Amino acid sequence: MTDNKPTVGWIGAGRMGFQLAKRLLDAGYPVAVYNRTRSKAEPLTEFGATIVDRPVDLADRDIVFSMVSASHDLENVMLGPDGLLTDPARAPRIIGDASTVSVEASETVRAAAEARGVGFLATPVSGNPKVISVGKLTVAASGPRDAYDEIEPLLQTWGRGVTYVGEAEVARIVKIAHNVFLGVVIQSLAEITVLAEKAGVTREAFLSFLNDSVMGSVFTQYKTPALVNLDFTPTFTNVLLQKDFDLGLAAAKSLGVVMPVASVTRNLVAQEVGNGNTEQDFASLIVTIARGSGLDIVSEEAAVGDGLEA
């Protein structure tokens, strides 16, 4: 403990992980950071972070968070060479993993953590760097309740809400279901926007109406600038969306849940990835829908807001 605050380790300083670690630093927590590419983590030193070269170098921290891209990455940083849980003499009290990974990978790491007497929590999030910057990120957490109660104040620094959803891996299902819905909604939103435009309505006008209606949402508002002005600076790519569809459909198969709409949408996203759309934001699906509808869309250069103004 430092000044009554637990010492914190952070693994993974990508677009999201960097911002979440910074919020902990801004809240006064002492944070040490590991990232596979060290240079991406080094800017956090400006805010008080220290940088380490291996995940195992964080084993002496009270609480360690991780946020990595895929299931195999989580297993590697926890259990692989120089992994966090590989020091026989030291281990954190609690691990919170904010990645979107499979239930099976999470179970593997949880078992290894519990064998060491470490509380392991799944703490996936809903949001992106801009959502974090305006304090609107939300968190779902599952695992031992006593461990959750201890790290809840740290999770609260990430945004506007934290929900404890139960034991073990259920937060993984919550996040996977969330991201499947994300994919289905963007596909449907792109389709109806192209429908309106082909009938002669500007995308700006249509989405303005939609956002003011009962069908509007934080998400439709947030994606309006991308759909109107075709700015596909990535917040979430089709590659990551396809991964999450696959996780969701695998979970559905194991639980006996039919998901026909998700299945069709997954194949459309996979086709987009196969055609090379791997770096743009997933809202770029609208271009393919328009092209397939005989419509060559261009930016409307409109001054539209995303609803996330601070």
C-alpha atoms as a PDB file:
ATOM      1  CA  MET A   1       0.000   0.000   0.000  1.00  0.00           C
ATOM      2  CA  THR A   2       1.103   3.586  -0.701  1.00  0.00           C
ATOM      3  CA  ASP A   3      -0.678   6.404   1.186  1.00  0.00           C
ATOM      4  CA  ASN A   4      -3.538   3.949   1.843  1.00  0.00           C
ATOM      5  CA  LYS A   5      -3.867   3.250  -1.873  1.00  0.00           C
ATOM      6  CA  PRO A   6      -2.956  -0.193  -3.199  1.00  0.00           C
ATOM      7  CA  THR A   7      -0.073  -0.483  -5.609  1.00  0.00           C
ATOM      8  CA  VAL A   8      -1.310  -1.263  -9.095  1.00  0.00           C
ATOM      9  CA  GLY A   9       0.135  -3.121 -12.057  1.00  0.00           C
ATOM     10  CA  TRP A  10      -1.162  -2.745 -15.596  1.00  0.00           C
ATOM     11  CA  ILE A  11      -0.642  -5.103 -18.538  1.00  0.00           C
ATOM     12  CA  GLY A  12      -1.494  -3.860 -22.029  1.00  0.00           C
ATOM     13  CA  ALA A  13      -1.187  -0.205 -23.074  1.00  0.00           C
ATOM     14  CA  GLY A  14      -3.172  -0.217 -26.304  1.00  0.00           C
ATOM     15  CA  ARG A  15      -5.762   2.428 -27.199  1.00  0.00           C
ATOM     16  CA  MET A  16      -8.040   1.390 -24.342  1.00  0.00           C
ATOM     17  CA  GLY A  17      -5.538   0.118 -21.795  1.00  0.00           C
ATOM     18  CA  PHE A  18      -3.471   3.305 -21.998  1.00  0.00           C
ATOM     19  CA  GLN A  19      -6.477   5.482 -21.169  1.00  0.00           C
ATOM     20  CA  LEU A  20      -7.690   3.282 -18.315  1.00  0.00           C
ATOM     21  CA  ALA A  21      -4.232   3.161 -16.742  1.00  0.00           C
ATOM     22  CA  LYS A  22      -4.058   6.938 -17.029  1.00  0.00           C
ATOM     23  CA  ARG A  23      -7.339   7.327 -15.150  1.00  0.00           C
ATOM     24  CA  LEU A  24      -5.906   5.272 -12.284  1.00  0.00           C
ATOM     25  CA  LEU A  25      -2.811   7.474 -12.306  1.00  0.00           C
ATOM     26  CA  ASP A  26      -4.985  10.600 -12.344  1.00  0.00           C
ATOM     27  CA  ALA A  27      -6.834   9.233  -9.305  1.00  0.00           C
ATOM     28  CA  GLY A  28      -3.550   8.993  -7.415  1.00  0.00           C
ATOM     29  CA  TYR A  29      -2.848   5.272  -7.629  1.00  0.00           C
ATOM     30  CA  PRO A  30       0.801   4.223  -8.047  1.00  0.00           C
ATOM     31  CA  VAL A  31       0.820   2.304 -11.335  1.00  0.00           C
ATOM     32  CA  ALA A  32       3.543   0.211 -12.981  1.00  0.00           C
ATOM     33  CA  VAL A  33       2.916  -0.776 -16.594  1.00  0.00           C
ATOM     34  CA  TYR A  34       3.998  -3.581 -18.897  1.00  0.00           C
ATOM     35  CA  ASN A  35       3.353  -3.509 -22.635  1.00  0.00           C
ATOM     36  CA  ARG A  36       4.792  -5.852 -25.240  1.00  0.00           C
ATOM     37  CA  THR A  37       5.972  -2.806 -27.197  1.00  0.00           C
ATOM     38  CA  ARG A  38       7.556  -0.754 -24.442  1.00  0.00           C
ATOM     39  CA  SER A  39       7.501   2.524 -26.399  1.00  0.00           C
ATOM     40  CA  LYS A  40       3.692   2.556 -26.407  1.00  0.00           C
ATOM     41  CA  ALA A  41       3.641   2.528 -22.600  1.00  0.00           C
ATOM     42  CA  GLU A  42       6.404   5.052 -22.020  1.00  0.00           C
ATOM     43  CA  PRO A  43       4.207   8.167 -22.459  1.00  0.00           C
ATOM     44  CA  LEU A  44       2.425   7.104 -19.253  1.00  0.00           C
ATOM     45  CA  THR A  45       5.579   8.046 -17.337  1.00  0.00           C
ATOM     46  CA  GLU A  46       4.553  11.679 -17.876  1.00  0.00           C
ATOM     47  CA  PHE A  47       1.623  10.972 -15.563  1.00  0.00           C
ATOM     48  CA  GLY A  48       3.674   9.132 -12.933  1.00  0.00           C
ATOM     49  CA  ALA A  49       3.757   5.543 -14.154  1.00  0.00           C
ATOM     50  CA  THR A  50       6.792   3.307 -14.008  1.00  0.00           C
ATOM     51  CA  ILE A  51       7.514   0.883 -16.841  1.00  0.00           C
ATOM     52  CA  VAL A  52       8.593  -2.739 -16.431  1.00  0.00           C
ATOM     53  CA  ASP A  53       9.964  -5.149 -19.011  1.00  0.00           C
ATOM     54  CA  ARG A  54       8.065  -8.343 -18.129  1.00  0.00           C
ATOM     55  CA  PRO A  55       4.608  -9.148 -16.757  1.00  0.00           C
ATOM     56  CA  VAL A  56       6.230 -11.056 -13.870  1.00  0.00           C
ATOM     57  CA  ASP A  57       7.859  -7.797 -12.768  1.00  0.00           C
ATOM     58  CA  LEU A  58       4.377  -6.765 -11.590  1.00  0.00           C
ATOM     59  CA  ALA A  59       3.998  -9.749  -9.258  1.00  0.00           C
ATOM     60  CA  ASP A  60       4.782  -7.603  -6.220  1.00  0.00           C
ATOM     61  CA  ARG A  61       1.878  -5.196  -6.856  1.00  0.00           C
ATOM     62  CA  ASP A  62      -1.278  -5.426  -4.733  1.00  0.00           C
ATOM     63  CA  ILE A  63      -3.663  -5.401  -7.705  1.00  0.00           C
ATOM     64  CA  VAL A  64      -2.884  -6.044 -11.365  1.00  0.00           C
ATOM     65  CA  PHE A  65      -5.162  -5.272 -14.296  1.00  0.00           C
ATOM     66  CA  SER A  66      -4.765  -6.601 -17.817  1.00  0.00           C
ATOM     67  CA  MET A  67      -6.286  -5.576 -21.125  1.00  0.00           C
ATOM     68  CA  VAL A  68      -5.072  -7.536 -24.131  1.00  0.00           C
ATOM     69  CA  SER A  69      -6.456  -8.302 -27.577  1.00  0.00           C
ATOM     70  CA  ALA A  70      -7.187 -12.019 -27.569  1.00  0.00           C
ATOM     71  CA  SER A  71      -7.530 -15.170 -25.484  1.00  0.00           C
ATOM     72  CA  HIS A  72      -4.045 -16.470 -26.271  1.00  0.00           C
ATOM     73  CA  ASP A  73      -2.574 -13.089 -25.295  1.00  0.00           C
ATOM     74  CA  LEU A  74      -4.209 -13.308 -21.870  1.00  0.00           C
ATOM     75  CA  GLU A  75      -2.893 -16.813 -21.272  1.00  0.00           C
ATOM     76  CA  ASN A  76       0.556 -15.743 -22.415  1.00  0.00           C
ATOM     77  CA  VAL A  77       0.900 -12.676 -20.166  1.00  0.00           C
ATOM     78  CA  MET A  78      -0.401 -14.620 -17.186  1.00  0.00           C
ATOM     79  CA  LEU A  79       1.036 -18.117 -17.621  1.00  0.00           C
ATOM     80  CA  GLY A  80       3.590 -17.963 -20.451  1.00  0.00           C
ATOM     81  CA  PRO A  81       7.312 -17.211 -20.182  1.00  0.00           C
ATOM     82  CA  ASP A  82       7.787 -14.426 -17.605  1.00  0.00           C
ATOM     83  CA  GLY A  83       4.024 -14.368 -17.070  1.00  0.00           C
ATOM     84  CA  LEU A  84       2.513 -12.584 -14.094  1.00  0.00           C
ATOM     85  CA  LEU A  85       1.758 -15.823 -12.234  1.00  0.00           C
ATOM     86  CA  THR A  86       5.100 -17.554 -12.890  1.00  0.00           C
ATOM     87  CA  ASP A  87       7.064 -16.197  -9.894  1.00  0.00           C
ATOM     88  CA  PRO A  88       6.906 -18.948  -7.240  1.00  0.00           C
ATOM     89  CA  ALA A  89       7.462 -16.491  -4.388  1.00  0.00           C
ATOM     90  CA  ARG A  90       5.313 -13.501  -5.342  1.00  0.00           C
ATOM     91  CA  ALA A  91       1.840 -12.868  -6.723  1.00  0.00           C
ATOM     92  CA  PRO A  92      -0.659  -9.996  -6.539  1.00  0.00           C
ATOM     93  CA  ARG A  93      -3.629 -10.266  -4.196  1.00  0.00           C
ATOM     94  CA  ILE A  94      -6.114  -9.596  -6.980  1.00  0.00           C
ATOM     95  CA  ILE A  95      -6.096  -9.700 -10.785  1.00  0.00           C
ATOM     96  CA  GLY A  96      -8.739  -7.894 -12.820  1.00  0.00           C
ATOM     97  CA  ASP A  97      -8.850  -8.691 -16.527  1.00  0.00           C
ATOM     98  CA  ALA A  98     -10.638  -6.185 -18.770  1.00  0.00           C
ATOM     99  CA  SER A  99     -10.031  -8.032 -22.046  1.00  0.00           C
ATOM    100  CA  THR A 100     -12.759  -9.501 -24.249  1.00  0.00           C
ATOM    101  CA  VAL A 101     -11.727 -13.163 -24.292  1.00  0.00           C
ATOM    102  CA  SER A 102     -13.297 -16.601 -24.279  1.00  0.00           C
ATOM    103  CA  VAL A 103     -14.793 -18.170 -21.190  1.00  0.00           C
ATOM    104  CA  GLU A 104     -12.360 -21.074 -21.588  1.00  0.00           C
ATOM    105  CA  ALA A 105      -9.259 -18.848 -21.536  1.00  0.00           C
ATOM    106  CA  SER A 106     -10.598 -16.988 -18.531  1.00  0.00           C
ATOM    107  CA  GLU A 107     -11.274 -20.254 -16.709  1.00  0.00           C
ATOM    108  CA  THR A 108      -7.702 -21.401 -17.346  1.00  0.00           C
ATOM    109  CA  VAL A 109      -6.223 -18.237 -15.882  1.00  0.00           C
ATOM    110  CA  ARG A 110      -8.720 -18.185 -13.012  1.00  0.00           C
ATOM    111  CA  ALA A 111      -7.748 -21.720 -11.983  1.00  0.00           C
ATOM    112  CA  ALA A 112      -4.052 -20.824 -12.013  1.00  0.00           C
ATOM    113  CA  ALA A 113      -4.702 -17.653 -10.017  1.00  0.00           C
ATOM    114  CA  GLU A 114      -6.853 -19.382  -7.411  1.00  0.00           C
ATOM    115  CA  ALA A 115      -4.196 -22.076  -7.004  1.00  0.00           C
ATOM    116  CA  ARG A 116      -1.880 -19.262  -5.922  1.00  0.00           C
ATOM    117  CA  GLY A 117      -4.467 -17.736  -3.578  1.00  0.00           C
ATOM    118  CA  VAL A 118      -5.078 -14.826  -5.970  1.00  0.00           C
ATOM    119  CA  GLY A 119      -8.572 -13.416  -6.444  1.00  0.00           C
ATOM    120  CA  PHE A 120      -9.358 -13.282 -10.166  1.00  0.00           C
ATOM    121  CA  LEU A 121     -12.053 -10.987 -11.560  1.00  0.00           C
ATOM    122  CA  ALA A 122     -13.314 -10.613 -15.114  1.00  0.00           C
ATOM    123  CA  THR A 123     -13.811  -6.860 -15.590  1.00  0.00           C
ATOM    124  CA  PRO A 124     -14.660  -6.247 -19.274  1.00  0.00           C
ATOM    125  CA  VAL A 125     -15.748  -2.771 -20.309  1.00  0.00           C
ATOM    126  CA  SER A 126     -18.098  -1.018 -22.716  1.00  0.00           C
ATOM    127  CA  GLY A 127     -16.628   2.007 -24.450  1.00  0.00           C
ATOM    128  CA  ASN A 128     -13.672   3.342 -26.378  1.00  0.00           C
ATOM    129  CA  PRO A 129     -10.975   5.953 -25.731  1.00  0.00           C
ATOM    130  CA  LYS A 130     -13.309   8.921 -26.284  1.00  0.00           C
ATOM    131  CA  VAL A 131     -15.961   7.364 -24.042  1.00  0.00           C
ATOM    132  CA  ILE A 132     -13.256   6.995 -21.384  1.00  0.00           C
ATOM    133  CA  SER A 133     -12.155  10.605 -21.822  1.00  0.00           C
ATOM    134  CA  VAL A 134     -15.637  11.926 -21.017  1.00  0.00           C
ATOM    135  CA  GLY A 135     -16.131   9.536 -18.096  1.00  0.00           C
ATOM    136  CA  LYS A 136     -18.900   7.406 -19.639  1.00  0.00           C
ATOM    137  CA  LEU A 137     -17.248   3.978 -19.692  1.00  0.00           C
ATOM    138  CA  THR A 138     -19.148   1.140 -18.008  1.00  0.00           C
ATOM    139  CA  VAL A 139     -17.790  -2.055 -16.453  1.00  0.00           C
ATOM    140  CA  ALA A 140     -19.209  -5.530 -15.820  1.00  0.00           C
ATOM    141  CA  ALA A 141     -17.417  -7.599 -13.185  1.00  0.00           C
ATOM    142  CA  SER A 142     -17.634 -11.210 -12.060  1.00  0.00           C
ATOM    143  CA  GLY A 143     -15.673 -13.364  -9.662  1.00  0.00           C
ATOM    144  CA  PRO A 144     -15.208 -13.553  -5.882  1.00  0.00           C
ATOM    145  CA  ARG A 145     -17.387 -10.931  -4.205  1.00  0.00           C
ATOM    146  CA  ASP A 146     -14.769 -10.029  -1.604  1.00  0.00           C
ATOM    147  CA  ALA A 147     -12.204  -9.323  -4.329  1.00  0.00           C
ATOM    148  CA  TYR A 148     -14.756  -7.222  -6.196  1.00  0.00           C
ATOM    149  CA  ASP A 149     -15.549  -5.185  -3.097  1.00  0.00           C
ATOM    150  CA  GLU A 150     -11.848  -4.408  -2.705  1.00  0.00           C
ATOM    151  CA  ILE A 151     -11.224  -3.229  -6.263  1.00  0.00           C
ATOM    152  CA  GLU A 152     -14.568  -1.544  -6.932  1.00  0.00           C
ATOM    153  CA  PRO A 153     -13.157   1.919  -6.049  1.00  0.00           C
ATOM    154  CA  LEU A 154     -10.470   1.451  -8.695  1.00  0.00           C
ATOM    155  CA  LEU A 155     -13.017   0.321 -11.287  1.00  0.00           C
ATOM    156  CA  GLN A 156     -15.136   3.367 -10.505  1.00  0.00           C
ATOM    157  CA  THR A 157     -12.307   5.617 -11.697  1.00  0.00           C
ATOM    158  CA  TRP A 158     -12.757   4.244 -15.220  1.00  0.00           C
ATOM    159  CA  GLY A 159     -16.163   5.791 -15.914  1.00  0.00           C
ATOM    160  CA  ARG A 160     -19.743   6.172 -14.849  1.00  0.00           C
ATOM    161  CA  GLY A 161     -20.821   2.711 -13.724  1.00  0.00           C
ATOM    162  CA  VAL A 162     -19.685  -0.685 -12.489  1.00  0.00           C
ATOM    163  CA  THR A 163     -22.046  -3.663 -12.289  1.00  0.00           C
ATOM    164  CA  TYR A 164     -21.253  -6.835 -10.355  1.00  0.00           C
ATOM    165  CA  VAL A 165     -22.980  -9.526 -12.419  1.00  0.00           C
ATOM    166  CA  GLY A 166     -22.095 -12.687 -10.486  1.00  0.00           C
ATOM    167  CA  GLU A 167     -19.489 -15.357  -9.911  1.00  0.00           C
ATOM    168  CA  ALA A 168     -16.892 -16.935 -12.181  1.00  0.00           C
ATOM    169  CA  GLU A 169     -17.045 -16.064 -15.889  1.00  0.00           C
ATOM    170  CA  VAL A 170     -20.495 -14.531 -16.328  1.00  0.00           C
ATOM    171  CA  ALA A 171     -19.036 -11.065 -17.029  1.00  0.00           C
ATOM    172  CA  ARG A 172     -17.408 -12.596 -20.119  1.00  0.00           C
ATOM    173  CA  ILE A 173     -20.833 -13.589 -21.430  1.00  0.00           C
ATOM    174  CA  VAL A 174     -22.195 -10.130 -20.619  1.00  0.00           C
ATOM    175  CA  LYS A 175     -19.447  -8.456 -22.655  1.00  0.00           C
ATOM    176  CA  ILE A 176     -19.604 -10.944 -25.529  1.00  0.00           C
ATOM    177  CA  ALA A 177     -23.398 -10.498 -25.741  1.00  0.00           C
ATOM    178  CA  HIS A 178     -22.870  -6.727 -25.677  1.00  0.00           C
ATOM    179  CA  ASN A 179     -20.431  -6.843 -28.598  1.00  0.00           C
ATOM    180  CA  VAL A 180     -22.610  -9.179 -30.658  1.00  0.00           C
ATOM    181  CA  PHE A 181     -25.423  -6.645 -30.235  1.00  0.00           C
ATOM    182  CA  LEU A 182     -22.996  -3.893 -31.254  1.00  0.00           C
ATOM    183  CA  GLY A 183     -22.296  -5.688 -34.522  1.00  0.00           C
ATOM    184  CA  VAL A 184     -25.924  -6.433 -35.299  1.00  0.00           C
ATOM    185  CA  VAL A 185     -26.935  -2.828 -34.596  1.00  0.00           C
ATOM    186  CA  ILE A 186     -24.237  -1.233 -36.777  1.00  0.00           C
ATOM    187  CA  GLN A 187     -25.166  -3.525 -39.661  1.00  0.00           C
ATOM    188  CA  SER A 188     -28.855  -2.693 -39.353  1.00  0.00           C
ATOM    189  CA  LEU A 189     -28.154   1.009 -38.845  1.00  0.00           C
ATOM    190  CA  ALA A 190     -26.008   1.118 -41.982  1.00  0.00           C
ATOM    191  CA  GLU A 191     -28.678  -0.704 -44.008  1.00  0.00           C
ATOM    192  CA  ILE A 192     -31.543   1.619 -43.069  1.00  0.00           C
ATOM    193  CA  THR A 193     -29.376   4.705 -43.547  1.00  0.00           C
ATOM    194  CA  VAL A 194     -28.529   3.599 -47.085  1.00  0.00           C
ATOM    195  CA  LEU A 195     -32.229   2.859 -47.690  1.00  0.00           C
ATOM    196  CA  ALA A 196     -33.152   6.416 -46.695  1.00  0.00           C
ATOM    197  CA  GLU A 197     -30.363   7.942 -48.783  1.00  0.00           C
ATOM    198  CA  LYS A 198     -31.273   6.008 -51.908  1.00  0.00           C
ATOM    199  CA  ALA A 199     -34.818   7.334 -51.507  1.00  0.00           C
ATOM    200  CA  GLY A 200     -33.422  10.875 -51.536  1.00  0.00           C
ATOM    201  CA  VAL A 201     -32.918  11.679 -47.838  1.00  0.00           C
ATOM    202  CA  THR A 202     -29.518  12.901 -46.646  1.00  0.00           C
ATOM    203  CA  ARG A 203     -27.806  10.748 -44.069  1.00  0.00           C
ATOM    204  CA  GLU A 204     -27.606  13.768 -41.775  1.00  0.00           C
ATOM    205  CA  ALA A 205     -31.368  14.333 -41.897  1.00  0.00           C
ATOM    206  CA  PHE A 206     -32.257  10.682 -41.473  1.00  0.00           C
ATOM    207  CA  LEU A 207     -29.957  10.146 -38.499  1.00  0.00           C
ATOM    208  CA  SER A 208     -31.055  13.414 -36.909  1.00  0.00           C
ATOM    209  CA  PHE A 209     -34.627  12.125 -37.003  1.00  0.00           C
ATOM    210  CA  LEU A 210     -33.617   8.683 -35.746  1.00  0.00           C
ATOM    211  CA  ASN A 211     -31.574  10.048 -32.859  1.00  0.00           C
ATOM    212  CA  ASP A 212     -34.510  12.156 -31.679  1.00  0.00           C
ATOM    213  CA  SER A 213     -36.914   9.224 -31.901  1.00  0.00           C
ATOM    214  CA  VAL A 214     -37.565   6.399 -29.456  1.00  0.00           C
ATOM    215  CA  MET A 215     -35.207   4.275 -31.551  1.00  0.00           C
ATOM    216  CA  GLY A 216     -32.277   6.623 -31.047  1.00  0.00           C
ATOM    217  CA  SER A 217     -29.586   5.712 -28.534  1.00  0.00           C
ATOM    218  CA  VAL A 218     -26.200   6.734 -27.215  1.00  0.00           C
ATOM    219  CA  PHE A 219     -24.726   4.385 -29.819  1.00  0.00           C
ATOM    220  CA  THR A 220     -26.662   5.705 -32.833  1.00  0.00           C
ATOM    221  CA  GLN A 221     -25.757   9.263 -31.814  1.00  0.00           C
ATOM    222  CA  TYR A 222     -22.122   8.330 -31.323  1.00  0.00           C
ATOM    223  CA  LYS A 223     -21.838   6.707 -34.753  1.00  0.00           C
ATOM    224  CA  THR A 224     -23.659   9.509 -36.582  1.00  0.00           C
ATOM    225  CA  PRO A 225     -20.501  11.512 -37.523  1.00  0.00           C
ATOM    226  CA  ALA A 226     -18.863   8.386 -38.949  1.00  0.00           C
ATOM    227  CA  LEU A 227     -21.918   7.481 -41.039  1.00  0.00           C
ATOM    228  CA  VAL A 228     -22.584  11.035 -42.224  1.00  0.00           C
ATOM    229  CA  ASN A 229     -19.010  12.174 -42.901  1.00  0.00           C
ATOM    230  CA  LEU A 230     -17.444   8.766 -43.611  1.00  0.00           C
ATOM    231  CA  ASP A 231     -14.716   9.283 -41.020  1.00  0.00           C
ATOM    232  CA  PHE A 232     -13.641   5.739 -40.240  1.00  0.00           C
ATOM    233  CA  THR A 233     -10.829   6.489 -37.824  1.00  0.00           C
ATOM    234  CA  PRO A 234     -10.835   3.202 -35.892  1.00  0.00           C
ATOM    235  CA  THR A 235     -12.454   2.859 -32.512  1.00  0.00           C
ATOM    236  CA  PHE A 236     -13.196  -0.835 -33.130  1.00  0.00           C
ATOM    237  CA  THR A 237     -12.193  -2.745 -36.242  1.00  0.00           C
ATOM    238  CA  ASN A 238     -13.994  -5.449 -38.202  1.00  0.00           C
ATOM    239  CA  VAL A 239     -11.249  -7.890 -37.182  1.00  0.00           C
ATOM    240  CA  LEU A 240     -12.093  -7.400 -33.502  1.00  0.00           C
ATOM    241  CA  LEU A 241     -15.813  -7.482 -34.248  1.00  0.00           C
ATOM    242  CA  GLN A 242     -15.468 -10.795 -36.087  1.00  0.00           C
ATOM    243  CA  LYS A 243     -13.526 -12.207 -33.123  1.00  0.00           C
ATOM    244  CA  ASP A 244     -16.328 -11.233 -30.772  1.00  0.00           C
ATOM    245  CA  PHE A 245     -19.020 -12.645 -33.036  1.00  0.00           C
ATOM    246  CA  ASP A 246     -17.110 -15.929 -33.049  1.00  0.00           C
ATOM    247  CA  LEU A 247     -16.877 -15.887 -29.257  1.00  0.00           C
ATOM    248  CA  GLY A 248     -20.584 -15.152 -29.001  1.00  0.00           C
ATOM    249  CA  LEU A 249     -21.654 -17.843 -31.420  1.00  0.00           C
ATOM    250  CA  ALA A 250     -19.383 -20.381 -29.721  1.00  0.00           C
ATOM    251  CA  ALA A 251     -20.983 -19.537 -26.378  1.00  0.00           C
ATOM    252  CA  ALA A 252     -24.436 -19.784 -27.954  1.00  0.00           C
ATOM    253  CA  LYS A 253     -23.639 -23.234 -29.327  1.00  0.00           C
ATOM    254  CA  SER A 254     -22.424 -24.480 -25.952  1.00  0.00           C
ATOM    255  CA  LEU A 255     -25.519 -23.103 -24.199  1.00  0.00           C
ATOM    256  CA  GLY A 256     -28.009 -24.203 -26.842  1.00  0.00           C
ATOM    257  CA  VAL A 257     -29.096 -20.687 -27.844  1.00  0.00           C
ATOM    258  CA  VAL A 258     -30.196 -19.994 -31.422  1.00  0.00           C
ATOM    259  CA  MET A 259     -28.815 -16.732 -32.878  1.00  0.00           C
ATOM    260  CA  PRO A 260     -29.791 -16.547 -36.576  1.00  0.00           C
ATOM    261  CA  VAL A 261     -29.429 -12.766 -36.926  1.00  0.00           C
ATOM    262  CA  ALA A 262     -26.013 -12.802 -35.270  1.00  0.00           C
ATOM    263  CA  SER A 263     -24.911 -15.678 -37.517  1.00  0.00           C
ATOM    264  CA  VAL A 264     -25.792 -13.827 -40.713  1.00  0.00           C
ATOM    265  CA  THR A 265     -24.170 -10.610 -39.511  1.00  0.00           C
ATOM    266  CA  ARG A 266     -21.010 -12.458 -38.503  1.00  0.00           C
ATOM    267  CA  ASN A 267     -20.640 -13.746 -42.053  1.00  0.00           C
ATOM    268  CA  LEU A 268     -21.048 -10.239 -43.473  1.00  0.00           C
ATOM    269  CA  VAL A 269     -18.346  -8.938 -41.148  1.00  0.00           C
ATOM    270  CA  ALA A 270     -16.076 -11.870 -42.012  1.00  0.00           C
ATOM    271  CA  GLN A 271     -16.540 -11.094 -45.709  1.00  0.00           C
ATOM    272  CA  GLU A 272     -15.543  -7.481 -45.014  1.00  0.00           C
ATOM    273  CA  VAL A 273     -12.376  -8.686 -43.281  1.00  0.00           C
ATOM    274  CA  GLY A 274     -11.658 -11.091 -46.129  1.00  0.00           C
ATOM    275  CA  ASN A 275     -11.905  -8.207 -48.582  1.00  0.00           C
ATOM    276  CA  GLY A 276      -9.218  -6.327 -46.685  1.00  0.00           C
ATOM    277  CA  ASN A 277     -11.198  -3.941 -44.487  1.00  0.00           C
ATOM    278  CA  THR A 278      -9.120  -4.620 -41.381  1.00  0.00           C
ATOM    279  CA  GLU A 279      -7.892  -1.210 -40.229  1.00  0.00           C
ATOM    280  CA  GLN A 280     -10.924   1.067 -40.540  1.00  0.00           C
ATOM    281  CA  ASP A 281     -13.682   1.475 -37.980  1.00  0.00           C
ATOM    282  CA  PHE A 282     -16.466  -1.071 -38.239  1.00  0.00           C
ATOM    283  CA  ALA A 283     -18.906   1.699 -39.232  1.00  0.00           C
ATOM    284  CA  SER A 284     -17.233   1.455 -42.655  1.00  0.00           C
ATOM    285  CA  LEU A 285     -19.646  -1.419 -43.325  1.00  0.00           C
ATOM    286  CA  ILE A 286     -21.955   1.288 -44.713  1.00  0.00           C
ATOM    287  CA  VAL A 287     -19.708   1.730 -47.766  1.00  0.00           C
ATOM    288  CA  THR A 288     -20.084  -1.915 -48.784  1.00  0.00           C
ATOM    289  CA  ILE A 289     -23.854  -1.814 -48.233  1.00  0.00           C
ATOM    290  CA  ALA A 290     -24.151   1.335 -50.343  1.00  0.00           C
ATOM    291  CA  ARG A 291     -21.967  -0.083 -53.120  1.00  0.00           C
ATOM    292  CA  GLY A 292     -24.040  -3.259 -53.196  1.00  0.00           C
ATOM    293  CA  SER A 293     -27.132  -1.054 -53.504  1.00  0.00           C
ATOM    294  CA  GLY A 294     -25.772   0.836 -56.519  1.00  0.00           C
ATOM    295  CA  LEU A 295     -25.019   3.953 -54.480  1.00  0.00           C
ATOM    296  CA  ASP A 296     -21.673   5.749 -54.447  1.00  0.00           C
ATOM    297  CA  ILE A 297     -21.753   7.602 -51.138  1.00  0.00           C
ATOM    298  CA  VAL A 298     -19.524  10.530 -50.226  1.00  0.00           C
ATOM    299  CA  SER A 299     -18.946  12.567 -47.088  1.00  0.00           C
ATOM    300  CA  GLU A 300     -21.685  15.103 -46.421  1.00  0.00           C
ATOM    301  CA  GLU A 301     -19.198  17.364 -44.600  1.00  0.00           C
ATOM    302  CA  ALA A 302     -21.875  18.112 -42.016  1.00  0.00           C
ATOM    303  CA  ALA A 303     -21.359  19.552 -38.545  1.00  0.00           C
ATOM    304  CA  VAL A 304     -22.915  16.743 -36.529  1.00  0.00           C
ATOM    305  CA  GLY A 305     -22.145  15.881 -32.927  1.00  0.00           C
ATOM    306  CA  ASP A 306     -21.539  12.460 -31.415  1.00  0.00           C
ATOM    307  CA  GLY A 307     -23.289  13.108 -28.091  1.00  0.00           C
ATOM    308  CA  LEU A 308     -20.085  12.570 -26.137  1.00  0.00           C
ATOM    309  CA  GLU A 309     -19.150  16.165 -25.591  1.00  0.00           C
ATOM    310  CA  ALA A 310     -17.600  16.530 -22.140  1.00  0.00           C
END
